[in-house]
N, C-alpha and C. Protein backbone atom coordinates (compact mmCIF):
# COMPACT_ATOMS: atom_id res chain seq x y z
N MET A 1 1.05 -1.06 0.15
CA MET A 1 0.20 0.36 0.04
C MET A 1 1.16 0.82 0.39
N LYS A 2 0.09 1.73 -0.71
CA LYS A 2 1.75 3.56 -0.85
C LYS A 2 0.57 4.13 -0.23
N SER A 3 1.80 5.27 0.61
CA SER A 3 1.81 6.01 1.49
C SER A 3 0.86 7.60 0.97
N LEU A 4 0.55 7.76 1.55
CA LEU A 4 -0.34 9.50 0.88
C LEU A 4 0.11 10.00 1.11
N VAL A 5 1.15 10.43 1.76
CA VAL A 5 2.11 11.76 2.79
C VAL A 5 2.89 11.42 1.43
N ALA A 6 2.88 13.11 1.47
CA ALA A 6 4.02 13.74 0.23
C ALA A 6 5.91 13.44 0.65
N PRO A 7 6.67 12.66 -0.07
CA PRO A 7 8.03 12.72 0.15
C PRO A 7 8.63 13.37 0.57
N ARG A 8 9.17 13.94 2.49
CA ARG A 8 10.75 15.63 1.97
C ARG A 8 11.62 15.19 1.15
N TYR A 9 11.82 16.21 1.16
CA TYR A 9 12.95 16.47 0.43
C TYR A 9 13.73 17.45 0.69
N ARG A 10 15.19 17.53 0.66
CA ARG A 10 15.77 18.19 1.07
C ARG A 10 16.39 18.77 0.51
N ILE A 11 16.48 20.43 1.44
CA ILE A 11 17.53 21.21 0.47
C ILE A 11 18.42 21.39 0.48
N ARG A 12 19.23 21.03 -0.60
CA ARG A 12 20.35 21.66 -0.17
C ARG A 12 21.53 22.46 -0.21
N GLY A 13 22.76 23.73 -0.03
CA GLY A 13 23.20 24.59 -0.41
C GLY A 13 23.08 24.19 -2.06
N SER A 14 23.80 23.22 -2.79
CA SER A 14 24.50 23.16 -3.91
C SER A 14 23.00 23.57 -4.68
N ASP A 15 21.72 23.19 -4.19
CA ASP A 15 20.88 23.50 -5.27
C ASP A 15 19.98 24.69 -5.16
N PHE A 16 20.17 26.01 -4.75
CA PHE A 16 20.31 27.27 -5.14
C PHE A 16 21.50 27.73 -6.04
N LYS A 17 21.97 26.90 -6.88
CA LYS A 17 22.85 27.22 -8.23
C LYS A 17 21.50 27.27 -9.12
N ALA A 18 20.38 26.47 -9.54
CA ALA A 18 19.56 26.37 -9.71
C ALA A 18 18.88 27.85 -10.72
N LEU A 19 18.95 28.20 -9.04
CA LEU A 19 18.25 29.31 -9.32
C LEU A 19 18.60 30.56 -10.01
N LEU A 20 19.74 30.54 -10.22
CA LEU A 20 20.75 31.46 -10.27
C LEU A 20 20.61 31.92 -12.45
N PRO A 21 20.60 33.05 -12.67
CA PRO A 21 20.57 32.54 -14.15
C PRO A 21 21.38 32.56 -15.12
N SER A 22 22.05 32.01 -16.28
CA SER A 22 22.78 31.52 -16.57
C SER A 22 23.07 33.53 -17.60
N TRP A 23 24.49 33.80 -17.16
CA TRP A 23 24.68 35.21 -17.63
C TRP A 23 25.67 34.99 -19.44
N LEU A 24 25.23 33.50 -20.30
CA LEU A 24 26.48 33.23 -21.48
C LEU A 24 24.60 34.62 -22.28
N PHE A 25 23.77 34.48 -21.74
CA PHE A 25 23.01 34.55 -22.27
C PHE A 25 23.02 36.40 -23.29
N PHE A 26 23.45 37.17 -22.02
CA PHE A 26 24.45 38.61 -22.49
C PHE A 26 25.94 38.72 -23.04
N ASP A 27 26.16 37.42 -23.49
CA ASP A 27 27.77 38.04 -23.91
C ASP A 27 27.74 38.72 -25.19
N ASP A 28 26.27 38.09 -25.74
CA ASP A 28 26.42 38.61 -27.78
C ASP A 28 25.57 40.48 -27.36
N LEU A 29 25.36 40.58 -26.25
CA LEU A 29 24.01 41.97 -26.20
C LEU A 29 25.86 42.62 -25.68
N GLY A 30 26.14 44.01 -26.02
CA GLY A 30 26.35 45.29 -26.16
C GLY A 30 26.40 46.54 -27.54
N ALA A 31 27.05 47.03 -27.79
CA ALA A 31 26.62 48.75 -28.30
C ALA A 31 26.30 48.39 -30.27
N GLY A 32 25.51 48.00 -30.04
CA GLY A 32 24.65 48.65 -31.47
C GLY A 32 25.74 48.96 -32.30
N CYS A 33 25.63 50.51 -31.78
CA CYS A 33 25.75 51.01 -33.04
C CYS A 33 27.39 52.24 -32.98
N HIS A 34 27.66 53.04 -32.98
CA HIS A 34 28.87 54.18 -31.95
C HIS A 34 28.34 55.21 -33.72
N VAL A 35 28.31 56.75 -32.09
CA VAL A 35 27.85 57.28 -33.49
C VAL A 35 28.73 58.33 -33.08
N PHE A 36 29.83 59.14 -34.75
CA PHE A 36 30.33 60.28 -34.21
C PHE A 36 29.87 61.38 -35.61
N TRP A 37 30.78 62.79 -34.57
CA TRP A 37 30.45 64.04 -35.45
C TRP A 37 31.35 64.53 -35.40
N ARG A 38 31.50 65.56 -36.45
CA ARG A 38 32.11 66.93 -36.41
C ARG A 38 32.08 67.88 -36.94
N SER A 39 31.68 68.88 -36.38
CA SER A 39 31.96 70.24 -37.20
C SER A 39 32.80 70.78 -37.37
N GLY A 40 31.98 72.44 -38.43
CA GLY A 40 32.48 73.74 -38.04
C GLY A 40 32.24 74.71 -39.42
N ASP A 41 32.76 74.57 -40.05
CA ASP A 41 32.51 76.41 -41.28
C ASP A 41 32.79 76.45 -41.96
N GLU A 42 32.45 77.41 -43.04
CA GLU A 42 33.38 77.10 -44.11
C GLU A 42 35.07 77.45 -44.76
N THR A 43 35.19 78.94 -43.72
CA THR A 43 36.57 78.89 -43.21
C THR A 43 37.09 77.75 -43.10
N ARG A 44 37.21 77.73 -42.39
CA ARG A 44 37.73 76.60 -41.48
C ARG A 44 38.04 75.46 -41.97
N GLY A 45 36.99 74.52 -42.34
CA GLY A 45 36.54 73.42 -42.87
C GLY A 45 35.76 72.57 -41.86
N LEU A 46 35.83 71.23 -41.75
CA LEU A 46 35.77 70.88 -41.09
C LEU A 46 36.34 69.72 -39.39
N GLY A 47 36.15 69.99 -38.86
CA GLY A 47 37.40 69.60 -37.45
C GLY A 47 37.12 68.13 -37.32
N GLU A 48 37.46 66.86 -36.77
CA GLU A 48 37.92 66.07 -36.22
C GLU A 48 37.01 65.45 -35.92
N TRP A 49 36.93 63.75 -36.15
CA TRP A 49 35.31 62.36 -35.70
C TRP A 49 35.15 63.53 -34.48
N GLN A 50 34.10 63.23 -33.33
CA GLN A 50 34.06 63.44 -31.73
C GLN A 50 32.89 61.82 -31.87
N THR A 51 33.31 61.63 -30.71
CA THR A 51 33.08 60.36 -30.28
C THR A 51 30.49 61.50 -29.41
N ALA A 52 29.45 60.87 -30.45
CA ALA A 52 28.37 61.24 -29.57
C ALA A 52 28.00 60.53 -28.31
N PHE A 53 27.13 60.73 -27.44
CA PHE A 53 26.47 59.65 -26.40
C PHE A 53 27.24 59.19 -25.89
N ALA A 54 28.60 59.84 -25.79
CA ALA A 54 29.26 58.38 -25.07
C ALA A 54 28.46 58.36 -23.76
N PRO A 55 29.10 57.22 -22.88
CA PRO A 55 28.12 56.89 -21.22
C PRO A 55 28.63 57.60 -20.84
N GLU A 56 27.77 57.84 -19.31
CA GLU A 56 28.61 58.31 -18.49
C GLU A 56 29.16 57.86 -17.29
N PRO A 57 29.51 57.62 -16.15
CA PRO A 57 30.86 56.27 -15.19
C PRO A 57 29.16 56.63 -15.09
N ARG A 58 29.03 55.13 -13.61
CA ARG A 58 27.98 55.06 -12.94
C ARG A 58 27.89 54.80 -11.84
N ARG A 59 26.63 55.55 -11.58
CA ARG A 59 26.03 56.09 -10.01
C ARG A 59 25.67 55.53 -9.17
N VAL A 60 26.08 54.66 -7.61
CA VAL A 60 24.59 54.14 -6.70
C VAL A 60 23.34 54.62 -7.44
N TRP A 61 22.85 56.76 -7.58
CA TRP A 61 22.02 57.50 -7.92
C TRP A 61 21.37 56.53 -9.29
N HIS A 62 22.21 56.49 -9.97
CA HIS A 62 21.73 55.84 -10.94
C HIS A 62 20.90 54.37 -11.09
N LEU A 63 21.04 54.16 -9.65
CA LEU A 63 19.54 53.02 -9.68
C LEU A 63 18.47 53.75 -9.73
N LEU A 64 18.21 54.81 -9.50
CA LEU A 64 16.74 55.20 -9.14
C LEU A 64 17.15 56.18 -10.14
N HIS A 65 17.45 56.83 -10.37
CA HIS A 65 16.27 58.17 -11.37
C HIS A 65 18.87 58.75 -12.74
N ASN A 66 18.13 57.62 -14.01
CA ASN A 66 18.86 58.13 -15.07
C ASN A 66 19.06 58.56 -15.81
N PRO A 67 18.31 59.97 -16.32
CA PRO A 67 17.59 60.33 -17.46
C PRO A 67 18.48 60.30 -18.16
N SER A 68 19.78 61.03 -18.26
CA SER A 68 20.75 61.13 -19.35
C SER A 68 21.12 60.16 -19.72
N SER A 69 20.94 58.89 -19.11
CA SER A 69 20.88 57.59 -20.27
C SER A 69 20.29 57.32 -20.15
N ASN A 70 18.75 57.35 -19.87
CA ASN A 70 18.08 56.51 -20.77
C ASN A 70 18.00 57.96 -21.76
N PHE A 71 18.04 59.01 -22.43
CA PHE A 71 17.92 60.24 -23.56
C PHE A 71 18.78 59.26 -24.32
N ARG A 72 20.05 58.73 -23.67
CA ARG A 72 21.52 57.92 -24.59
C ARG A 72 21.06 56.97 -24.94
N LEU A 73 20.17 56.07 -24.73
CA LEU A 73 19.44 54.45 -25.20
C LEU A 73 18.74 55.69 -26.64
N PHE A 74 17.66 56.30 -26.43
CA PHE A 74 16.33 57.28 -27.11
C PHE A 74 17.38 57.29 -28.31
N ALA A 75 19.09 58.13 -28.27
CA ALA A 75 19.45 58.56 -28.98
C ALA A 75 19.92 57.56 -30.16
N LEU A 76 20.63 56.38 -29.40
CA LEU A 76 21.38 55.34 -30.26
C LEU A 76 20.38 54.36 -30.62
N SER A 77 19.18 54.20 -29.78
CA SER A 77 17.92 52.74 -30.99
C SER A 77 17.47 54.25 -32.68
N SER A 78 17.40 55.78 -31.97
CA SER A 78 17.31 56.15 -33.35
C SER A 78 18.03 55.94 -34.41
N PHE A 79 19.29 56.31 -34.29
CA PHE A 79 20.59 55.86 -34.85
C PHE A 79 20.72 54.54 -35.54
N GLU A 80 20.46 53.24 -34.64
CA GLU A 80 20.62 52.29 -35.16
C GLU A 80 19.12 52.12 -36.21
N ARG A 81 18.01 52.96 -36.13
CA ARG A 81 16.85 52.47 -36.79
C ARG A 81 16.77 53.59 -38.37
N LEU A 82 18.29 54.23 -38.53
CA LEU A 82 17.95 55.35 -39.22
C LEU A 82 18.98 54.15 -40.17
N LEU A 83 20.01 53.68 -38.87
CA LEU A 83 20.86 52.10 -39.95
C LEU A 83 20.16 52.06 -40.45
N GLU A 84 19.28 50.89 -40.36
CA GLU A 84 18.25 49.74 -40.41
C GLU A 84 17.68 49.99 -41.84
N GLU A 85 17.08 51.74 -41.05
CA GLU A 85 16.50 52.57 -43.01
C GLU A 85 17.23 52.09 -44.20
N SER A 86 18.67 52.49 -43.74
CA SER A 86 19.15 52.64 -44.63
C SER A 86 20.31 52.25 -45.25
N GLN A 87 19.60 50.83 -44.71
CA GLN A 87 20.44 49.40 -45.58
C GLN A 87 19.09 48.54 -45.92
N SER A 88 18.37 49.23 -45.86
CA SER A 88 17.08 48.50 -46.83
C SER A 88 16.62 48.87 -48.44
N HIS A 89 16.33 47.97 -49.41
CA HIS A 89 16.12 47.60 -50.38
C HIS A 89 15.43 49.33 -50.46
N LEU A 90 14.49 49.68 -50.03
CA LEU A 90 13.28 50.57 -50.65
C LEU A 90 13.56 52.29 -49.54
N ALA A 91 14.69 51.72 -49.12
CA ALA A 91 14.89 54.11 -48.84
C ALA A 91 16.24 54.56 -50.31
N SER A 92 16.25 54.96 -50.71
CA SER A 92 16.92 56.05 -51.94
C SER A 92 17.56 56.87 -50.75
N PRO A 93 18.51 57.33 -51.39
CA PRO A 93 19.30 58.83 -51.22
C PRO A 93 18.75 59.78 -50.36
N SER A 94 17.54 60.24 -51.92
CA SER A 94 16.73 61.22 -51.85
C SER A 94 15.36 60.70 -50.94
N SER A 95 15.16 60.56 -50.29
CA SER A 95 13.97 60.06 -49.49
C SER A 95 14.73 59.11 -48.21
N LEU A 96 15.85 59.45 -48.00
CA LEU A 96 16.36 58.82 -46.54
C LEU A 96 16.21 60.10 -45.91
N LEU A 97 16.97 61.45 -46.40
CA LEU A 97 17.43 62.56 -45.60
C LEU A 97 15.57 63.60 -45.10
N GLU A 98 15.31 63.21 -46.37
CA GLU A 98 13.42 63.68 -46.00
C GLU A 98 13.48 63.07 -45.07
N SER A 99 13.15 61.52 -43.99
CA SER A 99 12.65 59.90 -43.23
C SER A 99 12.85 60.93 -42.29
N GLU A 100 12.10 60.96 -41.29
CA GLU A 100 11.42 60.95 -40.41
C GLU A 100 12.50 60.96 -38.94
N ASN A 101 12.70 59.21 -39.33
CA ASN A 101 13.96 58.70 -38.26
C ASN A 101 15.70 59.23 -38.77
N TYR A 102 15.73 59.76 -39.80
CA TYR A 102 17.05 60.88 -39.88
C TYR A 102 17.00 62.48 -39.56
N GLN A 103 15.58 62.76 -39.32
CA GLN A 103 15.65 64.42 -38.80
C GLN A 103 15.66 64.37 -37.27
N ILE A 104 15.72 62.87 -37.29
CA ILE A 104 15.66 63.24 -35.51
C ILE A 104 16.98 63.32 -35.15
N CYS A 105 17.22 62.18 -35.90
CA CYS A 105 18.97 61.86 -35.89
C CYS A 105 19.91 63.58 -35.84
N LEU A 106 19.27 64.03 -36.70
CA LEU A 106 20.64 65.56 -37.24
C LEU A 106 19.68 66.46 -36.49
N ARG A 107 19.15 66.41 -35.36
CA ARG A 107 18.18 67.12 -34.24
C ARG A 107 18.91 67.28 -33.61
N LEU A 108 18.74 65.59 -33.09
CA LEU A 108 19.40 65.66 -31.97
C LEU A 108 21.27 65.81 -31.67
N LEU A 109 21.81 65.73 -33.25
CA LEU A 109 23.29 66.49 -32.75
C LEU A 109 22.83 67.35 -33.05
N ALA A 110 22.41 68.15 -33.84
CA ALA A 110 22.61 69.49 -33.58
C ALA A 110 22.37 70.06 -32.45
N ASN A 111 21.45 69.31 -30.83
CA ASN A 111 20.99 70.29 -30.00
C ASN A 111 22.21 69.68 -29.77
N HIS A 112 23.53 68.69 -29.02
CA HIS A 112 24.54 67.42 -28.42
C HIS A 112 25.64 68.33 -28.87
N CYS A 113 26.01 68.71 -30.72
CA CYS A 113 27.15 69.72 -30.87
C CYS A 113 26.91 70.61 -30.69
N ALA A 114 26.38 71.78 -30.15
CA ALA A 114 25.00 73.22 -30.23
C ALA A 114 26.38 73.66 -29.36
N GLY A 115 27.21 74.98 -30.59
CA GLY A 115 28.41 75.57 -30.38
C GLY A 115 28.30 76.80 -31.35
N ASN A 116 29.47 76.79 -32.32
CA ASN A 116 29.72 78.57 -33.00
C ASN A 116 29.49 77.21 -34.62
N ALA A 117 29.34 76.20 -34.12
CA ALA A 117 29.43 75.43 -35.71
C ALA A 117 28.62 75.93 -37.12
N ARG A 118 28.70 75.63 -37.96
CA ARG A 118 27.80 75.96 -38.84
C ARG A 118 27.23 75.21 -40.01
N CYS A 119 27.88 73.84 -39.98
CA CYS A 119 28.05 72.49 -39.95
C CYS A 119 28.46 71.15 -40.00
N LEU A 120 27.15 70.33 -40.79
CA LEU A 120 27.34 69.75 -38.99
C LEU A 120 27.64 68.12 -40.02
N GLN A 121 28.19 66.99 -39.55
CA GLN A 121 28.31 66.09 -40.50
C GLN A 121 28.61 64.77 -39.91
N PHE A 122 27.95 63.33 -39.37
CA PHE A 122 28.10 62.33 -38.87
C PHE A 122 28.21 60.88 -39.23
N ARG A 123 28.61 59.84 -38.64
CA ARG A 123 28.80 58.72 -39.30
C ARG A 123 28.94 57.81 -38.06
N ILE A 124 27.88 56.53 -38.73
CA ILE A 124 27.94 55.28 -37.78
C ILE A 124 28.38 54.81 -38.26
N LEU A 125 29.60 53.67 -36.94
CA LEU A 125 30.03 52.14 -36.78
C LEU A 125 28.97 52.10 -36.48
N ALA A 126 28.72 50.08 -36.85
CA ALA A 126 27.75 49.23 -36.42
C ALA A 126 28.73 48.28 -36.47
N ARG A 127 28.33 46.88 -36.36
CA ARG A 127 28.88 46.13 -36.24
C ARG A 127 28.48 45.11 -37.74
N LEU A 128 29.01 44.33 -39.05
CA LEU A 128 28.84 44.81 -40.21
C LEU A 128 28.76 42.98 -40.36
N ALA A 129 29.19 42.27 -39.58
CA ALA A 129 29.91 40.73 -40.29
C ALA A 129 28.78 40.41 -38.14
N ASP A 130 28.15 39.17 -38.43
CA ASP A 130 27.83 38.22 -37.47
C ASP A 130 29.60 38.06 -35.89
N ASP A 131 31.10 38.06 -36.65
CA ASP A 131 32.43 38.19 -35.85
C ASP A 131 32.08 38.81 -35.62
N PRO A 132 32.34 39.28 -34.24
CA PRO A 132 32.23 40.54 -33.21
C PRO A 132 34.11 40.28 -33.27
N SER A 133 34.79 40.03 -33.56
CA SER A 133 35.93 39.82 -33.78
C SER A 133 36.04 40.72 -34.66
N ARG A 134 35.61 41.17 -35.55
CA ARG A 134 35.87 42.01 -36.73
C ARG A 134 35.74 43.40 -36.30
N GLY A 135 34.66 43.36 -34.89
CA GLY A 135 34.70 44.81 -34.42
C GLY A 135 33.72 45.87 -35.27
N PHE A 136 33.94 47.03 -35.00
CA PHE A 136 32.99 47.81 -35.56
C PHE A 136 33.25 48.29 -37.31
N GLU A 137 32.13 49.23 -38.15
CA GLU A 137 32.96 49.10 -39.10
C GLU A 137 32.06 49.96 -39.38
N GLU A 138 32.68 51.72 -40.47
CA GLU A 138 31.80 52.24 -40.51
C GLU A 138 30.63 51.78 -41.91
N ALA A 139 29.03 51.95 -41.04
CA ALA A 139 28.08 51.27 -41.21
C ALA A 139 27.27 52.86 -42.27
N PHE A 140 28.26 53.87 -42.03
CA PHE A 140 27.19 55.35 -43.26
C PHE A 140 27.46 56.80 -42.09
N VAL A 141 27.67 57.52 -43.14
CA VAL A 141 28.44 58.79 -43.43
C VAL A 141 27.70 59.48 -44.15
N SER A 142 27.35 60.61 -43.23
CA SER A 142 26.13 61.40 -43.91
C SER A 142 26.81 62.65 -45.12
N SER A 143 25.74 63.58 -45.34
CA SER A 143 26.30 64.12 -45.91
C SER A 143 26.36 65.50 -46.06
N VAL A 144 27.52 66.99 -45.10
CA VAL A 144 27.56 68.11 -44.57
C VAL A 144 26.29 68.38 -44.03
N HIS A 145 25.40 69.26 -43.34
CA HIS A 145 24.35 69.81 -43.36
C HIS A 145 25.39 71.12 -42.44
N GLU A 146 24.19 72.12 -43.15
CA GLU A 146 24.38 73.45 -42.62
C GLU A 146 23.13 73.17 -41.43
N ILE A 147 23.48 73.64 -40.07
CA ILE A 147 23.11 73.89 -38.79
C ILE A 147 22.49 74.98 -38.36
């Protein structure tokens, strides 16, 4: 005759390892793209490429309130969408310049590098191949825009 009482299991310390997630999931995650900009005017020409939307050092209070990081994520995802749109077969160069994503990215950079500059150009570096050892390659370069 079988017992109706459930058998007792003893929980050991090593059993808690099963509750921890495997962090290998995050190995392939990282920055989707890097954005660079340069500005200038008609007399001096364009300057050196500078990193746009660089990450800030992490602070303890960023766990609760971090608007600059949220803005950075928004900006980089906008540039990733622009990159996807530029690589699609439907986007012609003239329609890309008029697209909403392109205009948003241009305004983001114009506000980011506000100064005495009259002209602005940007480029996007991304991983173009599935091989992470290849690193980031130039994926898009904008034309020079007057601010």
